[in-house]
Amino acid sequence: MTIEVKLMEEAGVKSALCAKLLAELPMWFGRPKANSRYIRGMADRDAYAGFVDGAACGLIALEYHFGVTCNVWWLGVNPLVHRRGLGRALIDQAITEARSRGCRQLAVETMSPRAQSPEYDLTRLFYEAMGFAPFIEFEPEPGDYMMWMIRAI
């Protein structure tokens, strides 16, 4: 199995890959309004596609804050290739890019354990394995438990 990560520059290509992955990840991304925002938002962010044996199976989009923090704005990997190193390769690329811009930390927003989601339990385990630690929990809407995780780079 060959894994490659490539910068995606064309907005339409980034958005199309995001839409494809959203359709493959309904248990993680099941909110149509949010999904539309993710697809549109790809145009304004640095994005890297992850390829497994030449097939696009993952995508990460980044944004930068205050010159010191890189935020993983969106990350998705086709479930058929989970636990094969593609997510790790995408995070490694984010770290490389963030360091090249002078960032000192990498952040990600995800669902809190209070959300009681088996899928997001796996997501948090992945982020923890990548060196992220819980930072802050918040509730943007009643019953919608979210959290920020952060790691030094």
C-alpha atoms as a PDB file:
ATOM      1  CA  MET A   1       0.000   0.000   0.000  1.00  0.00           C
ATOM      2  CA  THR A   2       1.372   3.386  -1.054  1.00  0.00           C
ATOM      3  CA  ILE A   3       0.327   6.580   0.734  1.00  0.00           C
ATOM      4  CA  GLU A   4       0.915  10.021  -0.770  1.00  0.00           C
ATOM      5  CA  VAL A   5      -0.159  13.476   0.378  1.00  0.00           C
ATOM      6  CA  LYS A   6      -0.467  16.278  -2.157  1.00  0.00           C
ATOM      7  CA  LEU A   7      -1.351  19.960  -1.961  1.00  0.00           C
ATOM      8  CA  MET A   8      -4.709  20.683  -3.578  1.00  0.00           C
ATOM      9  CA  GLU A   9      -4.890  24.133  -5.127  1.00  0.00           C
ATOM     10  CA  GLU A  10      -8.017  24.183  -7.286  1.00  0.00           C
ATOM     11  CA  ALA A  11     -11.094  25.158  -5.255  1.00  0.00           C
ATOM     12  CA  GLY A  12     -13.471  22.980  -7.269  1.00  0.00           C
ATOM     13  CA  VAL A  13     -11.300  19.900  -6.845  1.00  0.00           C
ATOM     14  CA  LYS A  14     -10.994  20.458  -3.080  1.00  0.00           C
ATOM     15  CA  SER A  15     -14.750  20.941  -2.748  1.00  0.00           C
ATOM     16  CA  ALA A  16     -15.545  17.870  -4.854  1.00  0.00           C
ATOM     17  CA  LEU A  17     -13.243  15.657  -2.773  1.00  0.00           C
ATOM     18  CA  CYS A  18     -14.744  17.054   0.423  1.00  0.00           C
ATOM     19  CA  ALA A  19     -18.271  16.267  -0.857  1.00  0.00           C
ATOM     20  CA  LYS A  20     -17.213  12.724  -1.785  1.00  0.00           C
ATOM     21  CA  LEU A  21     -15.718  12.108   1.655  1.00  0.00           C
ATOM     22  CA  LEU A  22     -18.715  13.630   3.441  1.00  0.00           C
ATOM     23  CA  ALA A  23     -20.926  11.109   1.630  1.00  0.00           C
ATOM     24  CA  GLU A  24     -18.611   8.305   2.787  1.00  0.00           C
ATOM     25  CA  LEU A  25     -18.667   9.487   6.409  1.00  0.00           C
ATOM     26  CA  PRO A  26     -22.352   9.975   7.319  1.00  0.00           C
ATOM     27  CA  MET A  27     -21.858   8.911  10.952  1.00  0.00           C
ATOM     28  CA  TRP A  28     -19.296  11.682  11.423  1.00  0.00           C
ATOM     29  CA  PHE A  29     -20.757  14.350   9.173  1.00  0.00           C
ATOM     30  CA  GLY A  30     -24.534  14.044   9.234  1.00  0.00           C
ATOM     31  CA  ARG A  31     -25.580  17.695   9.279  1.00  0.00           C
ATOM     32  CA  PRO A  32     -26.435  18.951   5.768  1.00  0.00           C
ATOM     33  CA  LYS A  33     -26.085  22.637   6.675  1.00  0.00           C
ATOM     34  CA  ALA A  34     -22.631  22.089   8.167  1.00  0.00           C
ATOM     35  CA  ASN A  35     -21.619  19.876   5.242  1.00  0.00           C
ATOM     36  CA  SER A  36     -22.515  22.639   2.777  1.00  0.00           C
ATOM     37  CA  ARG A  37     -20.348  25.021   4.792  1.00  0.00           C
ATOM     38  CA  TYR A  38     -17.432  22.562   4.679  1.00  0.00           C
ATOM     39  CA  ILE A  39     -17.715  22.134   0.906  1.00  0.00           C
ATOM     40  CA  ARG A  40     -17.825  25.914   0.333  1.00  0.00           C
ATOM     41  CA  GLY A  41     -15.105  26.596   2.885  1.00  0.00           C
ATOM     42  CA  MET A  42     -12.531  24.438   1.128  1.00  0.00           C
ATOM     43  CA  ALA A  43     -11.985  27.208  -1.419  1.00  0.00           C
ATOM     44  CA  ASP A  44     -10.447  29.522   1.208  1.00  0.00           C
ATOM     45  CA  ARG A  45      -8.177  27.072   2.995  1.00  0.00           C
ATOM     46  CA  ASP A  46      -4.959  25.208   2.424  1.00  0.00           C
ATOM     47  CA  ALA A  47      -5.925  21.623   1.705  1.00  0.00           C
ATOM     48  CA  TYR A  48      -4.004  18.419   1.198  1.00  0.00           C
ATOM     49  CA  ALA A  49      -5.413  15.245  -0.297  1.00  0.00           C
ATOM     50  CA  GLY A  50      -4.345  11.832   0.886  1.00  0.00           C
ATOM     51  CA  PHE A  51      -3.990   9.103  -1.702  1.00  0.00           C
ATOM     52  CA  VAL A  52      -3.862   5.350  -1.153  1.00  0.00           C
ATOM     53  CA  ASP A  53      -2.489   3.480  -4.154  1.00  0.00           C
ATOM     54  CA  GLY A  54      -3.336   6.486  -6.326  1.00  0.00           C
ATOM     55  CA  ALA A  55      -6.951   6.900  -5.147  1.00  0.00           C
ATOM     56  CA  ALA A  56      -7.966  10.044  -3.229  1.00  0.00           C
ATOM     57  CA  CYS A  57      -9.198   8.733   0.125  1.00  0.00           C
ATOM     58  CA  GLY A  58      -8.597  11.601   2.542  1.00  0.00           C
ATOM     59  CA  LEU A  59      -8.503  15.365   2.879  1.00  0.00           C
ATOM     60  CA  ILE A  60      -7.294  17.854   5.465  1.00  0.00           C
ATOM     61  CA  ALA A  61      -7.968  21.601   5.398  1.00  0.00           C
ATOM     62  CA  LEU A  62      -6.020  24.072   7.499  1.00  0.00           C
ATOM     63  CA  GLU A  63      -6.388  27.626   8.714  1.00  0.00           C
ATOM     64  CA  TYR A  64      -3.998  29.827  10.650  1.00  0.00           C
ATOM     65  CA  HIS A  65      -4.528  32.103  13.653  1.00  0.00           C
ATOM     66  CA  PHE A  66      -2.329  34.832  15.133  1.00  0.00           C
ATOM     67  CA  GLY A  67       0.755  33.474  13.356  1.00  0.00           C
ATOM     68  CA  VAL A  68       1.249  30.813  16.044  1.00  0.00           C
ATOM     69  CA  THR A  69      -1.631  28.359  15.703  1.00  0.00           C
ATOM     70  CA  CYS A  70      -2.649  26.094  12.862  1.00  0.00           C
ATOM     71  CA  ASN A  71      -6.185  24.748  13.105  1.00  0.00           C
ATOM     72  CA  VAL A  72      -7.242  21.484  11.485  1.00  0.00           C
ATOM     73  CA  TRP A  73     -10.395  23.009  10.035  1.00  0.00           C
ATOM     74  CA  TRP A  74     -11.586  19.740   8.447  1.00  0.00           C
ATOM     75  CA  LEU A  75     -10.255  16.202   8.234  1.00  0.00           C
ATOM     76  CA  GLY A  76     -11.892  13.174   6.683  1.00  0.00           C
ATOM     77  CA  VAL A  77     -10.649   9.749   5.634  1.00  0.00           C
ATOM     78  CA  ASN A  78     -12.664   7.099   3.823  1.00  0.00           C
ATOM     79  CA  PRO A  79     -13.612   4.441   6.421  1.00  0.00           C
ATOM     80  CA  LEU A  80     -12.346   1.679   4.110  1.00  0.00           C
ATOM     81  CA  VAL A  81      -8.798   2.884   4.771  1.00  0.00           C
ATOM     82  CA  HIS A  82      -9.082   3.800   8.450  1.00  0.00           C
ATOM     83  CA  ARG A  83      -6.184   2.595  10.617  1.00  0.00           C
ATOM     84  CA  ARG A  84      -3.772   2.305   7.673  1.00  0.00           C
ATOM     85  CA  GLY A  85      -1.749   5.475   8.212  1.00  0.00           C
ATOM     86  CA  LEU A  86      -3.502   7.965   5.950  1.00  0.00           C
ATOM     87  CA  GLY A  87      -4.886  10.127   8.772  1.00  0.00           C
ATOM     88  CA  ARG A  88      -1.455  10.141  10.396  1.00  0.00           C
ATOM     89  CA  ALA A  89       0.139  11.188   7.085  1.00  0.00           C
ATOM     90  CA  LEU A  90      -2.345  14.061   6.757  1.00  0.00           C
ATOM     91  CA  ILE A  91      -1.649  15.272  10.311  1.00  0.00           C
ATOM     92  CA  ASP A  92       2.101  14.975   9.670  1.00  0.00           C
ATOM     93  CA  GLN A  93       1.657  17.177   6.588  1.00  0.00           C
ATOM     94  CA  ALA A  94      -0.292  19.707   8.672  1.00  0.00           C
ATOM     95  CA  ILE A  95       2.551  19.804  11.199  1.00  0.00           C
ATOM     96  CA  THR A  96       5.131  20.301   8.451  1.00  0.00           C
ATOM     97  CA  GLU A  97       3.119  23.119   6.866  1.00  0.00           C
ATOM     98  CA  ALA A  98       2.364  24.776  10.217  1.00  0.00           C
ATOM     99  CA  ARG A  99       6.028  24.722  11.256  1.00  0.00           C
ATOM    100  CA  SER A 100       7.040  26.223   7.911  1.00  0.00           C
ATOM    101  CA  ARG A 101       4.726  29.167   8.723  1.00  0.00           C
ATOM    102  CA  GLY A 102       6.148  29.620  12.199  1.00  0.00           C
ATOM    103  CA  CYS A 103       3.232  28.080  14.076  1.00  0.00           C
ATOM    104  CA  ARG A 104       3.925  26.562  17.473  1.00  0.00           C
ATOM    105  CA  GLN A 105       0.718  24.620  18.033  1.00  0.00           C
ATOM    106  CA  LEU A 106      -1.857  22.602  16.173  1.00  0.00           C
ATOM    107  CA  ALA A 107      -5.510  22.694  17.255  1.00  0.00           C
ATOM    108  CA  VAL A 108      -8.624  20.775  16.285  1.00  0.00           C
ATOM    109  CA  GLU A 109     -12.292  21.047  17.209  1.00  0.00           C
ATOM    110  CA  THR A 110     -14.227  17.823  17.658  1.00  0.00           C
ATOM    111  CA  MET A 111     -17.110  16.392  19.631  1.00  0.00           C
ATOM    112  CA  SER A 112     -16.702  16.116  23.386  1.00  0.00           C
ATOM    113  CA  PRO A 113     -16.982  12.768  25.192  1.00  0.00           C
ATOM    114  CA  ARG A 114     -20.228  14.127  26.665  1.00  0.00           C
ATOM    115  CA  ALA A 115     -21.763  13.801  23.180  1.00  0.00           C
ATOM    116  CA  GLN A 116     -21.690  10.012  23.643  1.00  0.00           C
ATOM    117  CA  SER A 117     -20.789   9.175  20.051  1.00  0.00           C
ATOM    118  CA  PRO A 118     -18.925   5.914  19.315  1.00  0.00           C
ATOM    119  CA  GLU A 119     -17.603   7.424  16.088  1.00  0.00           C
ATOM    120  CA  TYR A 120     -16.220  10.482  17.829  1.00  0.00           C
ATOM    121  CA  ASP A 121     -14.793   8.307  20.610  1.00  0.00           C
ATOM    122  CA  LEU A 122     -12.621   6.830  17.836  1.00  0.00           C
ATOM    123  CA  THR A 123     -11.858  10.293  16.486  1.00  0.00           C
ATOM    124  CA  ARG A 124     -10.631  11.498  19.877  1.00  0.00           C
ATOM    125  CA  LEU A 125      -8.504   8.356  20.292  1.00  0.00           C
ATOM    126  CA  PHE A 126      -6.910   9.119  16.921  1.00  0.00           C
ATOM    127  CA  TYR A 127      -6.163  12.721  17.897  1.00  0.00           C
ATOM    128  CA  GLU A 128      -4.787  11.611  21.272  1.00  0.00           C
ATOM    129  CA  ALA A 129      -2.503   9.111  19.484  1.00  0.00           C
ATOM    130  CA  MET A 130      -1.316  12.049  17.355  1.00  0.00           C
ATOM    131  CA  GLY A 131      -0.332  13.986  20.478  1.00  0.00           C
ATOM    132  CA  PHE A 132      -3.408  16.182  20.966  1.00  0.00           C
ATOM    133  CA  ALA A 133      -4.790  16.765  24.459  1.00  0.00           C
ATOM    134  CA  PRO A 134      -8.185  18.110  25.525  1.00  0.00           C
ATOM    135  CA  PHE A 135      -8.085  21.875  25.923  1.00  0.00           C
ATOM    136  CA  ILE A 136     -11.599  23.249  26.430  1.00  0.00           C
ATOM    137  CA  GLU A 137     -15.171  22.005  26.211  1.00  0.00           C
ATOM    138  CA  PHE A 138     -18.075  24.151  25.058  1.00  0.00           C
ATOM    139  CA  GLU A 139     -21.741  23.840  24.119  1.00  0.00           C
ATOM    140  CA  PRO A 140     -22.577  26.013  21.077  1.00  0.00           C
ATOM    141  CA  GLU A 141     -26.180  24.798  21.182  1.00  0.00           C
ATOM    142  CA  PRO A 142     -27.995  22.983  23.993  1.00  0.00           C
ATOM    143  CA  GLY A 143     -26.893  19.345  24.002  1.00  0.00           C
ATOM    144  CA  ASP A 144     -24.248  19.914  21.296  1.00  0.00           C
ATOM    145  CA  TYR A 145     -21.073  19.146  23.240  1.00  0.00           C
ATOM    146  CA  MET A 146     -17.866  20.133  21.495  1.00  0.00           C
ATOM    147  CA  MET A 147     -14.241  20.437  22.510  1.00  0.00           C
ATOM    148  CA  TRP A 148     -10.930  21.833  21.367  1.00  0.00           C
ATOM    149  CA  MET A 149      -7.852  19.658  21.431  1.00  0.00           C
ATOM    150  CA  ILE A 150      -4.355  21.073  21.071  1.00  0.00           C
ATOM    151  CA  ARG A 151      -0.758  19.898  20.692  1.00  0.00           C
ATOM    152  CA  ALA A 152       2.598  21.588  20.552  1.00  0.00           C
ATOM    153  CA  ILE A 153       4.537  21.324  17.333  1.00  0.00           C
END
